[in-house]
Amino acid sequence: MSQETFTSSEFERHYLATPGTLQRSERWWRRRQKALRSFCDGLYYLGNLMRERFVQKCYGFQFLEPLVADMCCEEPSKRLKIGAAVARFKDVRSGLGAWKLRSRVVSRKEYTIVGLIRGTRHVYRTARDIALRRASIPDP
C-alpha cells in the first residue's frame, strides 16, 4: 500500500470540480489525512511494542535492535515505510542460523531454578524436533 498525499491544488482540481461537493470533499480530505498519519504512527507503535515486549524484556532479540530503532525514529520522515520494514525483517530472519531459531526465549527476570527446569525441557524438545526433522520455523 503506498502512502500518498495530495497538495491542496490537486485536492481542489479532483474533488471540488463539481458544485455542491465542498463539505463532503472536505470531510473526506480530513479523514484521509488522519488515516495516513495514523498508518505511519502504527509502524512506530509496532516497533515500540517489539522493543518493549521483546528486546528489553528477553534475552536473544538483539538482532532486532537496528530494525526496531529505524521503525521508532522520532522524526516521521526518517522512519521506515511498511514495505521496507517487511523486507528488512525478512532479511534479518533469513540471516539467522538454525540454532538461533531453535533457541529458547528467556525472560530477563527469570529465576535460576525456573530457568534450569525450562532449559532442560527445551533441550529435550529441541532434540526431539531435530530427530523428527521438524523445521525450526514452520513456513507455509
C-alpha atoms as a PDB file:
ATOM      1  CA  MET A   1       0.000   0.000   0.000  1.00  0.00           C
ATOM      2  CA  SER A   2       1.512   3.300  -0.990  1.00  0.00           C
ATOM      3  CA  GLN A   3       1.291   6.311   1.249  1.00  0.00           C
ATOM      4  CA  GLU A   4       0.252   9.181  -0.962  1.00  0.00           C
ATOM      5  CA  THR A   5      -0.524  12.747  -0.072  1.00  0.00           C
ATOM      6  CA  PHE A   6      -2.272  15.325  -2.169  1.00  0.00           C
ATOM      7  CA  THR A   7      -1.470  19.002  -2.329  1.00  0.00           C
ATOM      8  CA  SER A   8      -4.370  21.370  -1.884  1.00  0.00           C
ATOM      9  CA  SER A   9      -4.358  22.277  -5.597  1.00  0.00           C
ATOM     10  CA  GLU A  10      -4.719  18.586  -6.546  1.00  0.00           C
ATOM     11  CA  PHE A  11      -7.473  18.305  -3.971  1.00  0.00           C
ATOM     12  CA  GLU A  12      -9.329  21.256  -5.432  1.00  0.00           C
ATOM     13  CA  ARG A  13      -8.872  20.079  -9.005  1.00  0.00           C
ATOM     14  CA  HIS A  14     -10.028  16.499  -8.407  1.00  0.00           C
ATOM     15  CA  TYR A  15     -12.620  16.768  -5.683  1.00  0.00           C
ATOM     16  CA  LEU A  16     -14.081  20.252  -5.862  1.00  0.00           C
ATOM     17  CA  ALA A  17     -14.778  20.370  -9.601  1.00  0.00           C
ATOM     18  CA  THR A  18     -18.471  19.553  -9.083  1.00  0.00           C
ATOM     19  CA  PRO A  19     -20.518  22.317  -7.408  1.00  0.00           C
ATOM     20  CA  GLY A  20     -22.071  21.392  -4.048  1.00  0.00           C
ATOM     21  CA  THR A  21     -19.469  18.824  -3.058  1.00  0.00           C
ATOM     22  CA  LEU A  22     -17.357  21.120  -0.915  1.00  0.00           C
ATOM     23  CA  GLN A  23     -18.473  19.901   2.527  1.00  0.00           C
ATOM     24  CA  ARG A  24     -18.415  16.216   1.592  1.00  0.00           C
ATOM     25  CA  SER A  25     -14.971  16.566  -0.011  1.00  0.00           C
ATOM     26  CA  GLU A  26     -13.505  18.457   2.933  1.00  0.00           C
ATOM     27  CA  ARG A  27     -14.683  15.763   5.339  1.00  0.00           C
ATOM     28  CA  TRP A  28     -13.199  13.091   3.076  1.00  0.00           C
ATOM     29  CA  TRP A  29      -9.920  15.009   2.823  1.00  0.00           C
ATOM     30  CA  ARG A  30      -9.606  15.362   6.595  1.00  0.00           C
ATOM     31  CA  ARG A  31     -10.421  11.683   7.206  1.00  0.00           C
ATOM     32  CA  ARG A  32      -7.884  10.623   4.582  1.00  0.00           C
ATOM     33  CA  GLN A  33      -5.102  12.758   6.036  1.00  0.00           C
ATOM     34  CA  LYS A  34      -5.870  11.472   9.541  1.00  0.00           C
ATOM     35  CA  ALA A  35      -5.809   7.875   8.280  1.00  0.00           C
ATOM     36  CA  LEU A  36      -2.434   8.384   6.597  1.00  0.00           C
ATOM     37  CA  ARG A  37      -0.972   9.901   9.769  1.00  0.00           C
ATOM     38  CA  SER A  38      -2.310   7.058  11.898  1.00  0.00           C
ATOM     39  CA  PHE A  39      -0.901   4.469   9.454  1.00  0.00           C
ATOM     40  CA  CYS A  40       2.586   6.000   9.783  1.00  0.00           C
ATOM     41  CA  ASP A  41       2.167   6.117  13.550  1.00  0.00           C
ATOM     42  CA  GLY A  42       1.105   2.465  13.538  1.00  0.00           C
ATOM     43  CA  LEU A  43       4.535   1.344  12.332  1.00  0.00           C
ATOM     44  CA  TYR A  44       6.105   3.421  15.115  1.00  0.00           C
ATOM     45  CA  TYR A  45       3.818   1.776  17.684  1.00  0.00           C
ATOM     46  CA  LEU A  46       4.613  -1.693  16.314  1.00  0.00           C
ATOM     47  CA  GLY A  47       8.346  -1.017  16.608  1.00  0.00           C
ATOM     48  CA  ASN A  48       7.898   0.353  20.105  1.00  0.00           C
ATOM     49  CA  LEU A  49       5.878  -2.730  21.088  1.00  0.00           C
ATOM     50  CA  MET A  50       8.646  -5.002  19.745  1.00  0.00           C
ATOM     51  CA  ARG A  51      11.233  -3.037  21.714  1.00  0.00           C
ATOM     52  CA  GLU A  52       9.290  -3.035  24.990  1.00  0.00           C
ATOM     53  CA  ARG A  53       7.970  -6.610  24.875  1.00  0.00           C
ATOM     54  CA  PHE A  54      10.861  -8.497  23.284  1.00  0.00           C
ATOM     55  CA  VAL A  55      14.155  -6.610  23.012  1.00  0.00           C
ATOM     56  CA  GLN A  56      14.111  -5.098  26.507  1.00  0.00           C
ATOM     57  CA  LYS A  57      12.387  -7.942  28.404  1.00  0.00           C
ATOM     58  CA  CYS A  58      14.014 -11.046  26.918  1.00  0.00           C
ATOM     59  CA  TYR A  59      17.489 -12.258  26.037  1.00  0.00           C
ATOM     60  CA  GLY A  60      18.295 -13.186  22.453  1.00  0.00           C
ATOM     61  CA  PHE A  61      16.477 -10.484  20.491  1.00  0.00           C
ATOM     62  CA  GLN A  62      19.478  -8.213  19.930  1.00  0.00           C
ATOM     63  CA  PHE A  63      19.308  -8.948  16.199  1.00  0.00           C
ATOM     64  CA  LEU A  64      16.078  -6.901  16.075  1.00  0.00           C
ATOM     65  CA  GLU A  65      17.576  -3.753  17.621  1.00  0.00           C
ATOM     66  CA  PRO A  66      18.628  -1.996  14.353  1.00  0.00           C
ATOM     67  CA  LEU A  67      15.252  -2.687  12.727  1.00  0.00           C
ATOM     68  CA  VAL A  68      13.337  -1.503  15.784  1.00  0.00           C
ATOM     69  CA  ALA A  69      15.484   1.625  16.041  1.00  0.00           C
ATOM     70  CA  ASP A  70      14.665   2.535  12.433  1.00  0.00           C
ATOM     71  CA  MET A  71      10.958   1.842  12.988  1.00  0.00           C
ATOM     72  CA  CYS A  72      10.898   4.037  16.111  1.00  0.00           C
ATOM     73  CA  CYS A  73      12.782   7.013  14.734  1.00  0.00           C
ATOM     74  CA  GLU A  74      11.439  10.198  16.352  1.00  0.00           C
ATOM     75  CA  GLU A  75      11.274  12.100  13.078  1.00  0.00           C
ATOM     76  CA  PRO A  76       8.457  10.649  10.923  1.00  0.00           C
ATOM     77  CA  SER A  77      10.208  11.415   7.625  1.00  0.00           C
ATOM     78  CA  LYS A  78      13.164   9.197   8.622  1.00  0.00           C
ATOM     79  CA  ARG A  79      11.018   6.209   9.671  1.00  0.00           C
ATOM     80  CA  LEU A  80      10.857   3.092   7.556  1.00  0.00           C
ATOM     81  CA  LYS A  81       7.899   2.541   5.286  1.00  0.00           C
ATOM     82  CA  ILE A  82       5.948  -0.670   5.811  1.00  0.00           C
ATOM     83  CA  GLY A  83       7.343  -2.350   2.689  1.00  0.00           C
ATOM     84  CA  ALA A  84      10.919  -1.573   3.705  1.00  0.00           C
ATOM     85  CA  ALA A  85      10.280  -2.817   7.250  1.00  0.00           C
ATOM     86  CA  VAL A  86       8.876  -6.123   5.986  1.00  0.00           C
ATOM     87  CA  ALA A  87      11.788  -6.567   3.584  1.00  0.00           C
ATOM     88  CA  ARG A  88      14.344  -5.855   6.314  1.00  0.00           C
ATOM     89  CA  PHE A  89      12.613  -8.265   8.700  1.00  0.00           C
ATOM     90  CA  LYS A  90      12.755 -10.991   6.030  1.00  0.00           C
ATOM     91  CA  ASP A  91      16.469 -10.275   5.510  1.00  0.00           C
ATOM     92  CA  VAL A  92      17.140 -10.412   9.251  1.00  0.00           C
ATOM     93  CA  ARG A  93      15.181 -13.624   9.656  1.00  0.00           C
ATOM     94  CA  SER A  94      16.860 -15.308   6.690  1.00  0.00           C
ATOM     95  CA  GLY A  95      20.267 -14.427   8.162  1.00  0.00           C
ATOM     96  CA  LEU A  96      19.601 -16.271  11.425  1.00  0.00           C
ATOM     97  CA  GLY A  97      21.050 -19.729  11.892  1.00  0.00           C
ATOM     98  CA  ALA A  98      19.114 -22.863  12.810  1.00  0.00           C
ATOM     99  CA  TRP A  99      20.378 -22.833  16.405  1.00  0.00           C
ATOM    100  CA  LYS A 100      19.351 -19.212  16.903  1.00  0.00           C
ATOM    101  CA  LEU A 101      15.872 -20.010  15.595  1.00  0.00           C
ATOM    102  CA  ARG A 102      15.632 -23.006  17.949  1.00  0.00           C
ATOM    103  CA  SER A 103      16.972 -21.167  20.983  1.00  0.00           C
ATOM    104  CA  ARG A 104      14.710 -20.603  23.965  1.00  0.00           C
ATOM    105  CA  VAL A 105      13.264 -17.179  24.737  1.00  0.00           C
ATOM    106  CA  VAL A 106      14.486 -16.313  28.238  1.00  0.00           C
ATOM    107  CA  SER A 107      12.995 -13.524  30.305  1.00  0.00           C
ATOM    108  CA  ARG A 108      15.480 -11.192  31.957  1.00  0.00           C
ATOM    109  CA  LYS A 109      13.609 -11.662  35.261  1.00  0.00           C
ATOM    110  CA  GLU A 110      13.620 -15.463  35.204  1.00  0.00           C
ATOM    111  CA  TYR A 111      14.819 -17.173  38.388  1.00  0.00           C
ATOM    112  CA  THR A 112      17.758 -19.561  38.124  1.00  0.00           C
ATOM    113  CA  ILE A 113      15.915 -22.703  39.250  1.00  0.00           C
ATOM    114  CA  VAL A 114      12.998 -21.986  36.910  1.00  0.00           C
ATOM    115  CA  GLY A 115      15.438 -21.381  34.070  1.00  0.00           C
ATOM    116  CA  LEU A 116      17.153 -24.692  34.790  1.00  0.00           C
ATOM    117  CA  ILE A 117      13.851 -26.601  34.617  1.00  0.00           C
ATOM    118  CA  ARG A 118      12.675 -24.806  31.484  1.00  0.00           C
ATOM    119  CA  GLY A 119      16.088 -25.160  29.863  1.00  0.00           C
ATOM    120  CA  THR A 120      16.077 -28.921  30.449  1.00  0.00           C
ATOM    121  CA  ARG A 121      12.609 -29.245  28.911  1.00  0.00           C
ATOM    122  CA  HIS A 122      13.733 -27.137  25.973  1.00  0.00           C
ATOM    123  CA  VAL A 123      16.790 -29.325  25.318  1.00  0.00           C
ATOM    124  CA  TYR A 124      14.640 -32.471  25.175  1.00  0.00           C
ATOM    125  CA  ARG A 125      12.024 -30.820  22.975  1.00  0.00           C
ATOM    126  CA  THR A 126      14.681 -29.461  20.607  1.00  0.00           C
ATOM    127  CA  ALA A 127      16.402 -32.857  20.369  1.00  0.00           C
ATOM    128  CA  ARG A 128      13.056 -34.486  19.525  1.00  0.00           C
ATOM    129  CA  ASP A 129      12.296 -31.874  16.854  1.00  0.00           C
ATOM    130  CA  ILE A 130      15.720 -32.345  15.264  1.00  0.00           C
ATOM    131  CA  ALA A 131      15.329 -36.138  15.316  1.00  0.00           C
ATOM    132  CA  LEU A 132      11.907 -35.833  13.668  1.00  0.00           C
ATOM    133  CA  ARG A 133      13.326 -33.304  11.157  1.00  0.00           C
ATOM    134  CA  ARG A 134      10.860 -30.575  12.056  1.00  0.00           C
ATOM    135  CA  ALA A 135      11.619 -27.093  10.818  1.00  0.00           C
ATOM    136  CA  SER A 136      12.595 -24.522  13.418  1.00  0.00           C
ATOM    137  CA  ILE A 137      10.027 -22.101  11.970  1.00  0.00           C
ATOM    138  CA  PRO A 138       7.196 -23.721  10.028  1.00  0.00           C
ATOM    139  CA  ASP A 139       6.756 -21.902   6.709  1.00  0.00           C
ATOM    140  CA  PRO A 140       3.652 -22.393   4.610  1.00  0.00           C
END
